[in-house]
């Protein structure tokens, strides 16, 4: 998998903000969709506080690796490494957006991945609440899946 390409795709979908902001659910966030945790130095800083690029990059590296590892653990190491690269990217992107727990609820989509039925995978993505919530991101990821056909 081309990790740098996958990271750029996620960054384009998430956006990159060099300050503390509230996400769509009202949680304090910074950088590339990094949900600020109690252990983070920025936890007590107010919304609007600037954050330097180096800090954003460090959080993004950690967050990306965490979600890559979670994706691999969800689909299995051997299966993941043998998937077409666009499918790998889509799964990591969705895990970054949803987290492993919520992605694991896409049972029919994950079954489609298991049997390498890309039309069904795309269909299951489109038939989810997530797809309607993420707009352009969902359509682009679905098109990546269909591009494997």
N, C-alpha and C. Protein backbone atom coordinates (compact mmCIF):
# COMPACT_ATOMS: atom_id res chain seq x y z
N UNK A 1 0.85 -1.18 0.00
CA UNK A 1 0.00 0.00 0.00
C UNK A 1 0.89 1.24 0.00
N UNK A 2 0.53 2.19 -0.83
CA UNK A 2 1.26 3.46 -0.85
C UNK A 2 0.72 4.33 0.30
N UNK A 3 1.44 4.30 1.41
CA UNK A 3 0.98 4.99 2.62
C UNK A 3 0.87 6.49 2.41
N UNK A 4 1.81 7.08 1.70
CA UNK A 4 1.77 8.54 1.50
C UNK A 4 0.55 8.97 0.70
N UNK A 5 0.19 8.19 -0.32
CA UNK A 5 -1.01 8.51 -1.10
C UNK A 5 -2.25 8.38 -0.23
N UNK A 6 -2.31 7.31 0.55
CA UNK A 6 -3.46 7.10 1.45
C UNK A 6 -3.58 8.24 2.45
N UNK A 7 -2.46 8.66 2.99
CA UNK A 7 -2.47 9.77 3.96
C UNK A 7 -2.95 11.07 3.31
N UNK A 8 -2.55 11.30 2.08
CA UNK A 8 -3.01 12.51 1.38
C UNK A 8 -4.50 12.46 1.09
N UNK A 9 -5.00 11.29 0.74
CA UNK A 9 -6.45 11.13 0.50
C UNK A 9 -7.23 11.45 1.77
N UNK A 10 -6.78 10.91 2.89
CA UNK A 10 -7.46 11.16 4.16
C UNK A 10 -7.37 12.64 4.52
N UNK A 11 -6.21 13.23 4.34
CA UNK A 11 -6.03 14.65 4.67
C UNK A 11 -6.97 15.52 3.83
N UNK A 12 -7.13 15.14 2.56
CA UNK A 12 -8.04 15.91 1.68
C UNK A 12 -9.48 15.78 2.18
N UNK A 13 -9.86 14.59 2.63
CA UNK A 13 -11.23 14.39 3.12
C UNK A 13 -11.46 15.01 4.49
N UNK A 14 -10.50 14.91 5.37
CA UNK A 14 -10.65 15.43 6.73
C UNK A 14 -10.43 16.94 6.79
N UNK A 15 -9.55 17.44 5.93
CA UNK A 15 -9.10 18.82 6.04
C UNK A 15 -7.98 18.89 7.07
N UNK A 16 -7.32 20.02 7.10
CA UNK A 16 -6.23 20.24 8.06
C UNK A 16 -6.38 21.64 8.63
N UNK A 17 -6.54 21.71 9.94
CA UNK A 17 -6.78 22.99 10.60
C UNK A 17 -5.67 23.22 11.62
N UNK A 18 -5.00 24.35 11.51
CA UNK A 18 -3.87 24.65 12.39
C UNK A 18 -4.32 25.44 13.63
N UNK A 19 -5.42 25.00 14.19
CA UNK A 19 -5.91 25.56 15.46
C UNK A 19 -6.88 24.57 16.08
N UNK A 20 -7.20 24.81 17.32
CA UNK A 20 -8.19 23.98 18.01
C UNK A 20 -9.58 24.44 17.56
N UNK A 21 -10.40 23.48 17.17
CA UNK A 21 -11.76 23.79 16.70
C UNK A 21 -12.72 22.73 17.23
N UNK A 22 -14.00 23.02 17.12
CA UNK A 22 -15.02 22.04 17.48
C UNK A 22 -15.44 21.29 16.22
N UNK A 23 -15.44 19.96 16.32
CA UNK A 23 -15.90 19.16 15.18
C UNK A 23 -17.42 19.23 15.08
N UNK A 24 -17.98 18.49 14.14
CA UNK A 24 -19.43 18.56 13.90
C UNK A 24 -20.25 18.08 15.09
N UNK A 25 -19.62 17.35 16.01
CA UNK A 25 -20.32 16.88 17.21
C UNK A 25 -20.00 17.73 18.44
N UNK A 26 -19.20 18.80 18.24
CA UNK A 26 -18.89 19.70 19.34
C UNK A 26 -17.67 19.31 20.16
N UNK A 27 -16.89 18.33 19.68
CA UNK A 27 -15.69 17.91 20.40
C UNK A 27 -14.48 18.72 19.94
N UNK A 28 -13.61 19.06 20.90
CA UNK A 28 -12.41 19.80 20.54
C UNK A 28 -11.48 18.91 19.72
N UNK A 29 -11.02 19.49 18.63
CA UNK A 29 -10.27 18.77 17.60
C UNK A 29 -9.18 19.70 17.09
N UNK A 30 -8.15 19.12 16.49
CA UNK A 30 -7.11 19.93 15.84
C UNK A 30 -6.53 19.17 14.67
N UNK A 31 -5.85 19.89 13.81
CA UNK A 31 -5.11 19.26 12.73
C UNK A 31 -5.99 18.50 11.76
N UNK A 32 -5.61 17.25 11.51
CA UNK A 32 -6.31 16.39 10.56
C UNK A 32 -7.27 15.50 11.35
N UNK A 33 -8.32 16.10 11.86
CA UNK A 33 -9.36 15.37 12.57
C UNK A 33 -8.91 14.71 13.86
N UNK A 34 -7.90 15.26 14.52
CA UNK A 34 -7.43 14.67 15.78
C UNK A 34 -8.33 15.11 16.93
N UNK A 35 -9.07 14.16 17.47
CA UNK A 35 -9.92 14.41 18.63
C UNK A 35 -9.02 14.58 19.85
N UNK A 36 -9.06 15.74 20.46
CA UNK A 36 -8.16 16.04 21.59
C UNK A 36 -8.57 15.21 22.80
N UNK A 37 -7.58 14.49 23.35
CA UNK A 37 -7.78 13.61 24.50
C UNK A 37 -7.25 14.27 25.76
N UNK A 38 -7.67 13.76 26.91
CA UNK A 38 -7.20 14.31 28.20
C UNK A 38 -5.69 14.27 28.31
N UNK A 39 -5.04 13.30 27.73
CA UNK A 39 -3.59 13.16 27.82
C UNK A 39 -2.85 14.16 26.92
N UNK A 40 -3.54 14.80 25.99
CA UNK A 40 -2.92 15.76 25.08
C UNK A 40 -2.64 17.09 25.76
N UNK A 41 -1.52 17.69 25.45
CA UNK A 41 -1.14 18.97 26.04
C UNK A 41 -2.16 20.07 25.73
N UNK A 42 -2.87 19.93 24.63
CA UNK A 42 -3.84 20.94 24.20
C UNK A 42 -5.21 20.80 24.85
N UNK A 43 -5.38 19.82 25.69
CA UNK A 43 -6.70 19.48 26.23
C UNK A 43 -7.39 20.67 26.90
N UNK A 44 -6.67 21.45 27.67
CA UNK A 44 -7.29 22.56 28.40
C UNK A 44 -7.25 23.89 27.66
N UNK A 45 -6.72 23.88 26.44
CA UNK A 45 -6.65 25.13 25.67
C UNK A 45 -8.00 25.41 25.01
N UNK A 46 -8.34 26.68 24.85
CA UNK A 46 -9.64 27.02 24.27
C UNK A 46 -9.68 26.85 22.75
N UNK A 47 -10.89 26.69 22.25
CA UNK A 47 -11.13 26.68 20.81
C UNK A 47 -10.55 27.97 20.23
N UNK A 48 -9.89 27.86 19.10
CA UNK A 48 -9.29 29.01 18.44
C UNK A 48 -7.80 29.15 18.69
N UNK A 49 -7.26 28.39 19.64
CA UNK A 49 -5.83 28.44 19.93
C UNK A 49 -5.06 27.88 18.74
N UNK A 50 -4.09 28.63 18.20
CA UNK A 50 -3.29 28.13 17.08
C UNK A 50 -2.45 26.92 17.49
N UNK A 51 -2.20 26.05 16.54
CA UNK A 51 -1.36 24.88 16.73
C UNK A 51 -0.37 24.83 15.57
N UNK A 52 0.92 24.66 15.88
CA UNK A 52 1.93 24.68 14.83
C UNK A 52 1.89 23.40 14.00
N UNK A 53 2.38 23.52 12.76
CA UNK A 53 2.35 22.41 11.81
C UNK A 53 3.04 21.16 12.35
N UNK A 54 4.15 21.33 13.04
CA UNK A 54 4.89 20.17 13.55
C UNK A 54 4.04 19.35 14.53
N UNK A 55 3.26 20.02 15.35
CA UNK A 55 2.38 19.32 16.30
C UNK A 55 1.27 18.59 15.54
N UNK A 56 0.68 19.26 14.57
CA UNK A 56 -0.37 18.64 13.75
C UNK A 56 0.19 17.40 13.05
N UNK A 57 1.40 17.51 12.51
CA UNK A 57 2.01 16.38 11.80
C UNK A 57 2.26 15.20 12.73
N UNK A 58 2.70 15.47 13.95
CA UNK A 58 2.94 14.39 14.91
C UNK A 58 1.65 13.65 15.26
N UNK A 59 0.60 14.42 15.54
CA UNK A 59 -0.69 13.78 15.84
C UNK A 59 -1.18 12.98 14.63
N UNK A 60 -1.02 13.54 13.45
CA UNK A 60 -1.52 12.84 12.25
C UNK A 60 -0.76 11.53 12.03
N UNK A 61 0.54 11.55 12.21
CA UNK A 61 1.32 10.32 12.07
C UNK A 61 0.81 9.25 13.03
N UNK A 62 0.63 9.62 14.28
CA UNK A 62 0.14 8.67 15.29
C UNK A 62 -1.28 8.19 14.97
N UNK A 63 -2.16 9.12 14.61
CA UNK A 63 -3.55 8.76 14.31
C UNK A 63 -3.63 7.86 13.08
N UNK A 64 -2.84 8.19 12.04
CA UNK A 64 -2.87 7.36 10.83
C UNK A 64 -2.40 5.94 11.16
N UNK A 65 -1.29 5.82 11.87
CA UNK A 65 -0.76 4.49 12.19
C UNK A 65 -1.75 3.70 13.03
N UNK A 66 -2.39 4.37 13.98
CA UNK A 66 -3.40 3.70 14.82
C UNK A 66 -4.52 3.13 13.96
N UNK A 67 -5.02 3.93 13.02
CA UNK A 67 -6.15 3.48 12.20
C UNK A 67 -5.73 2.46 11.16
N UNK A 68 -4.52 2.55 10.67
CA UNK A 68 -4.00 1.52 9.77
C UNK A 68 -3.94 0.18 10.53
N UNK A 69 -3.37 0.21 11.73
CA UNK A 69 -3.28 -1.01 12.55
C UNK A 69 -4.66 -1.56 12.87
N UNK A 70 -5.61 -0.68 13.19
CA UNK A 70 -6.97 -1.13 13.49
C UNK A 70 -7.63 -1.77 12.27
N UNK A 71 -7.41 -1.19 11.10
CA UNK A 71 -7.98 -1.74 9.87
C UNK A 71 -7.42 -3.13 9.61
N UNK A 72 -6.11 -3.26 9.75
CA UNK A 72 -5.47 -4.56 9.53
C UNK A 72 -6.00 -5.59 10.53
N UNK A 73 -6.16 -5.19 11.79
CA UNK A 73 -6.67 -6.15 12.78
C UNK A 73 -8.12 -6.52 12.50
N UNK A 74 -8.88 -5.60 11.91
CA UNK A 74 -10.29 -5.86 11.62
C UNK A 74 -10.46 -6.85 10.46
N UNK A 75 -9.67 -6.68 9.40
CA UNK A 75 -9.84 -7.55 8.23
C UNK A 75 -8.86 -8.71 8.20
N UNK A 76 -7.83 -8.68 9.03
CA UNK A 76 -6.82 -9.72 9.05
C UNK A 76 -5.60 -9.30 8.25
N UNK A 77 -4.43 -9.55 8.81
CA UNK A 77 -3.18 -9.10 8.20
C UNK A 77 -2.97 -9.68 6.80
N UNK A 78 -3.14 -10.99 6.65
CA UNK A 78 -2.92 -11.63 5.35
C UNK A 78 -3.94 -11.16 4.31
N UNK A 79 -5.20 -11.07 4.73
CA UNK A 79 -6.23 -10.62 3.79
C UNK A 79 -5.95 -9.17 3.37
N UNK A 80 -5.63 -8.30 4.35
CA UNK A 80 -5.40 -6.89 4.04
C UNK A 80 -4.27 -6.73 3.03
N UNK A 81 -3.16 -7.41 3.24
CA UNK A 81 -2.00 -7.22 2.34
C UNK A 81 -2.28 -7.72 0.93
N UNK A 82 -3.27 -8.62 0.78
CA UNK A 82 -3.60 -9.15 -0.54
C UNK A 82 -4.75 -8.43 -1.24
N UNK A 83 -5.34 -7.45 -0.56
CA UNK A 83 -6.42 -6.66 -1.18
C UNK A 83 -5.85 -5.72 -2.23
N UNK A 84 -6.64 -5.38 -3.24
CA UNK A 84 -6.21 -4.34 -4.17
C UNK A 84 -5.94 -3.04 -3.40
N UNK A 85 -4.95 -2.30 -3.83
CA UNK A 85 -4.55 -1.09 -3.11
C UNK A 85 -5.69 -0.10 -2.91
N UNK A 86 -6.53 0.16 -3.91
CA UNK A 86 -7.64 1.10 -3.65
C UNK A 86 -8.56 0.63 -2.52
N UNK A 87 -8.77 -0.66 -2.40
CA UNK A 87 -9.63 -1.19 -1.33
C UNK A 87 -8.94 -0.97 0.02
N UNK A 88 -7.64 -1.19 0.08
CA UNK A 88 -6.89 -0.91 1.30
C UNK A 88 -7.07 0.54 1.71
N UNK A 89 -6.92 1.45 0.75
CA UNK A 89 -7.05 2.89 1.03
C UNK A 89 -8.44 3.23 1.54
N UNK A 90 -9.47 2.67 0.89
CA UNK A 90 -10.85 2.95 1.30
C UNK A 90 -11.08 2.47 2.73
N UNK A 91 -10.62 1.28 3.05
CA UNK A 91 -10.85 0.75 4.39
C UNK A 91 -10.12 1.57 5.46
N UNK A 92 -8.89 1.97 5.19
CA UNK A 92 -8.15 2.79 6.15
C UNK A 92 -8.82 4.15 6.30
N UNK A 93 -9.26 4.72 5.19
CA UNK A 93 -9.93 6.02 5.20
C UNK A 93 -11.21 5.94 6.04
N UNK A 94 -11.99 4.89 5.83
CA UNK A 94 -13.23 4.73 6.60
C UNK A 94 -12.92 4.51 8.07
N UNK A 95 -11.89 3.75 8.37
CA UNK A 95 -11.53 3.51 9.77
C UNK A 95 -11.07 4.81 10.42
N UNK A 96 -10.33 5.63 9.69
CA UNK A 96 -9.88 6.92 10.22
C UNK A 96 -11.10 7.77 10.56
N UNK A 97 -12.10 7.75 9.71
CA UNK A 97 -13.30 8.56 9.89
C UNK A 97 -14.22 8.00 10.97
N UNK A 98 -14.40 6.69 11.00
CA UNK A 98 -15.38 6.06 11.87
C UNK A 98 -14.79 5.47 13.15
N UNK A 99 -13.54 5.05 13.09
CA UNK A 99 -12.96 4.26 14.17
C UNK A 99 -13.26 2.79 13.94
N UNK A 100 -12.46 1.94 14.54
CA UNK A 100 -12.59 0.49 14.35
C UNK A 100 -13.95 -0.02 14.81
N UNK A 101 -14.41 0.45 15.95
CA UNK A 101 -15.67 -0.06 16.50
C UNK A 101 -16.84 0.18 15.54
N UNK A 102 -16.97 1.41 15.05
CA UNK A 102 -18.10 1.70 14.16
C UNK A 102 -17.92 1.04 12.79
N UNK A 103 -16.66 0.97 12.30
CA UNK A 103 -16.42 0.30 11.02
C UNK A 103 -16.76 -1.19 11.14
N UNK A 104 -16.53 -1.77 12.29
CA UNK A 104 -16.81 -3.20 12.47
C UNK A 104 -18.30 -3.51 12.34
N UNK A 105 -19.15 -2.50 12.47
CA UNK A 105 -20.59 -2.70 12.33
C UNK A 105 -21.03 -2.79 10.87
N UNK A 106 -20.12 -2.53 9.94
CA UNK A 106 -20.41 -2.64 8.51
C UNK A 106 -20.23 -4.11 8.10
N UNK A 107 -20.98 -4.98 8.73
CA UNK A 107 -20.80 -6.43 8.59
C UNK A 107 -20.96 -6.90 7.14
N UNK A 108 -21.98 -6.42 6.45
CA UNK A 108 -22.20 -6.87 5.07
C UNK A 108 -21.11 -6.32 4.15
N UNK A 109 -20.66 -5.10 4.39
CA UNK A 109 -19.58 -4.54 3.59
C UNK A 109 -18.30 -5.33 3.83
N UNK A 110 -18.01 -5.63 5.09
CA UNK A 110 -16.78 -6.38 5.41
C UNK A 110 -16.85 -7.81 4.85
N UNK A 111 -18.05 -8.38 4.82
CA UNK A 111 -18.19 -9.69 4.19
C UNK A 111 -17.90 -9.58 2.69
N UNK A 112 -18.36 -8.52 2.07
CA UNK A 112 -18.07 -8.30 0.64
C UNK A 112 -16.56 -8.19 0.41
N UNK A 113 -15.86 -7.54 1.34
CA UNK A 113 -14.40 -7.46 1.24
C UNK A 113 -13.82 -8.87 1.32
N UNK A 114 -14.32 -9.64 2.24
CA UNK A 114 -13.82 -11.01 2.46
C UNK A 114 -13.95 -11.86 1.20
N UNK A 115 -15.05 -11.70 0.48
CA UNK A 115 -15.27 -12.50 -0.73
C UNK A 115 -14.88 -11.74 -2.01
N UNK A 116 -14.31 -10.57 -1.82
CA UNK A 116 -13.83 -9.72 -2.93
C UNK A 116 -14.92 -9.39 -3.94
N UNK A 117 -16.08 -9.04 -3.41
CA UNK A 117 -17.22 -8.62 -4.23
C UNK A 117 -17.29 -7.09 -4.13
N UNK A 118 -16.62 -6.42 -5.06
CA UNK A 118 -16.45 -4.96 -4.97
C UNK A 118 -17.77 -4.24 -5.26
N UNK A 119 -18.61 -4.79 -6.13
CA UNK A 119 -19.92 -4.17 -6.36
C UNK A 119 -20.75 -4.17 -5.08
N UNK A 120 -20.72 -5.29 -4.38
CA UNK A 120 -21.48 -5.39 -3.13
C UNK A 120 -20.87 -4.48 -2.06
N UNK A 121 -19.55 -4.38 -2.02
CA UNK A 121 -18.91 -3.48 -1.06
C UNK A 121 -19.38 -2.06 -1.28
N UNK A 122 -19.36 -1.62 -2.55
CA UNK A 122 -19.81 -0.27 -2.89
C UNK A 122 -21.28 -0.08 -2.53
N UNK A 123 -22.09 -1.08 -2.80
CA UNK A 123 -23.53 -1.01 -2.50
C UNK A 123 -23.74 -0.86 -0.99
N UNK A 124 -23.01 -1.63 -0.21
CA UNK A 124 -23.16 -1.57 1.25
C UNK A 124 -22.69 -0.23 1.80
N UNK A 125 -21.65 0.32 1.22
CA UNK A 125 -21.19 1.65 1.63
C UNK A 125 -22.30 2.67 1.38
N UNK A 126 -22.86 2.62 0.18
CA UNK A 126 -23.88 3.59 -0.22
C UNK A 126 -25.17 3.44 0.59
N UNK A 127 -25.47 2.25 1.05
CA UNK A 127 -26.70 2.00 1.80
C UNK A 127 -26.52 2.23 3.30
N UNK A 128 -25.61 3.07 3.67
CA UNK A 128 -25.37 3.33 5.09
C UNK A 128 -25.68 4.78 5.44
N UNK A 129 -25.95 5.01 6.69
CA UNK A 129 -26.15 6.39 7.18
C UNK A 129 -24.86 7.18 7.00
N UNK A 130 -23.72 6.53 7.25
CA UNK A 130 -22.40 7.16 7.09
C UNK A 130 -22.27 7.80 5.71
N UNK A 131 -22.67 7.07 4.66
CA UNK A 131 -22.53 7.55 3.28
C UNK A 131 -23.22 8.90 3.09
N UNK A 132 -24.41 9.03 3.64
CA UNK A 132 -25.16 10.28 3.51
C UNK A 132 -24.58 11.40 4.37
N UNK A 133 -23.92 11.04 5.46
CA UNK A 133 -23.36 12.04 6.35
C UNK A 133 -22.06 12.64 5.81
N UNK A 134 -21.28 11.85 5.07
CA UNK A 134 -19.95 12.32 4.67
C UNK A 134 -19.90 12.94 3.28
N UNK A 135 -21.01 12.93 2.55
CA UNK A 135 -21.09 13.61 1.27
C UNK A 135 -20.06 13.16 0.25
N UNK A 136 -19.27 14.11 -0.22
CA UNK A 136 -18.28 13.87 -1.28
C UNK A 136 -17.33 12.73 -0.94
N UNK A 137 -16.94 12.65 0.31
CA UNK A 137 -16.01 11.59 0.74
C UNK A 137 -16.59 10.21 0.43
N UNK A 138 -17.84 9.99 0.78
CA UNK A 138 -18.47 8.70 0.52
C UNK A 138 -18.53 8.38 -0.95
N UNK A 139 -18.90 9.36 -1.76
CA UNK A 139 -18.99 9.14 -3.21
C UNK A 139 -17.62 8.82 -3.79
N UNK A 140 -16.60 9.53 -3.36
CA UNK A 140 -15.25 9.28 -3.87
C UNK A 140 -14.74 7.91 -3.46
N UNK A 141 -14.99 7.52 -2.21
CA UNK A 141 -14.53 6.20 -1.76
C UNK A 141 -15.29 5.09 -2.49
N UNK A 142 -16.58 5.28 -2.70
CA UNK A 142 -17.37 4.30 -3.46
C UNK A 142 -16.82 4.17 -4.88
N UNK A 143 -16.49 5.29 -5.50
CA UNK A 143 -15.94 5.27 -6.86
C UNK A 143 -14.58 4.56 -6.90
N UNK A 144 -13.79 4.71 -5.83
CA UNK A 144 -12.50 4.00 -5.76
C UNK A 144 -12.74 2.48 -5.75
N UNK A 145 -13.76 2.06 -5.00
CA UNK A 145 -14.08 0.64 -4.92
C UNK A 145 -14.53 0.15 -6.29
N UNK A 146 -15.43 0.89 -6.94
CA UNK A 146 -15.94 0.47 -8.25
C UNK A 146 -14.85 0.51 -9.32
N UNK A 147 -13.82 1.32 -9.11
CA UNK A 147 -12.71 1.38 -10.06
C UNK A 147 -11.87 0.12 -10.10
N UNK A 148 -12.04 -0.74 -9.10
CA UNK A 148 -11.29 -2.00 -9.04
C UNK A 148 -11.91 -3.02 -9.99
N UNK A 149 -13.18 -2.85 -10.34
CA UNK A 149 -13.87 -3.82 -11.22
C UNK A 149 -13.22 -3.91 -12.59
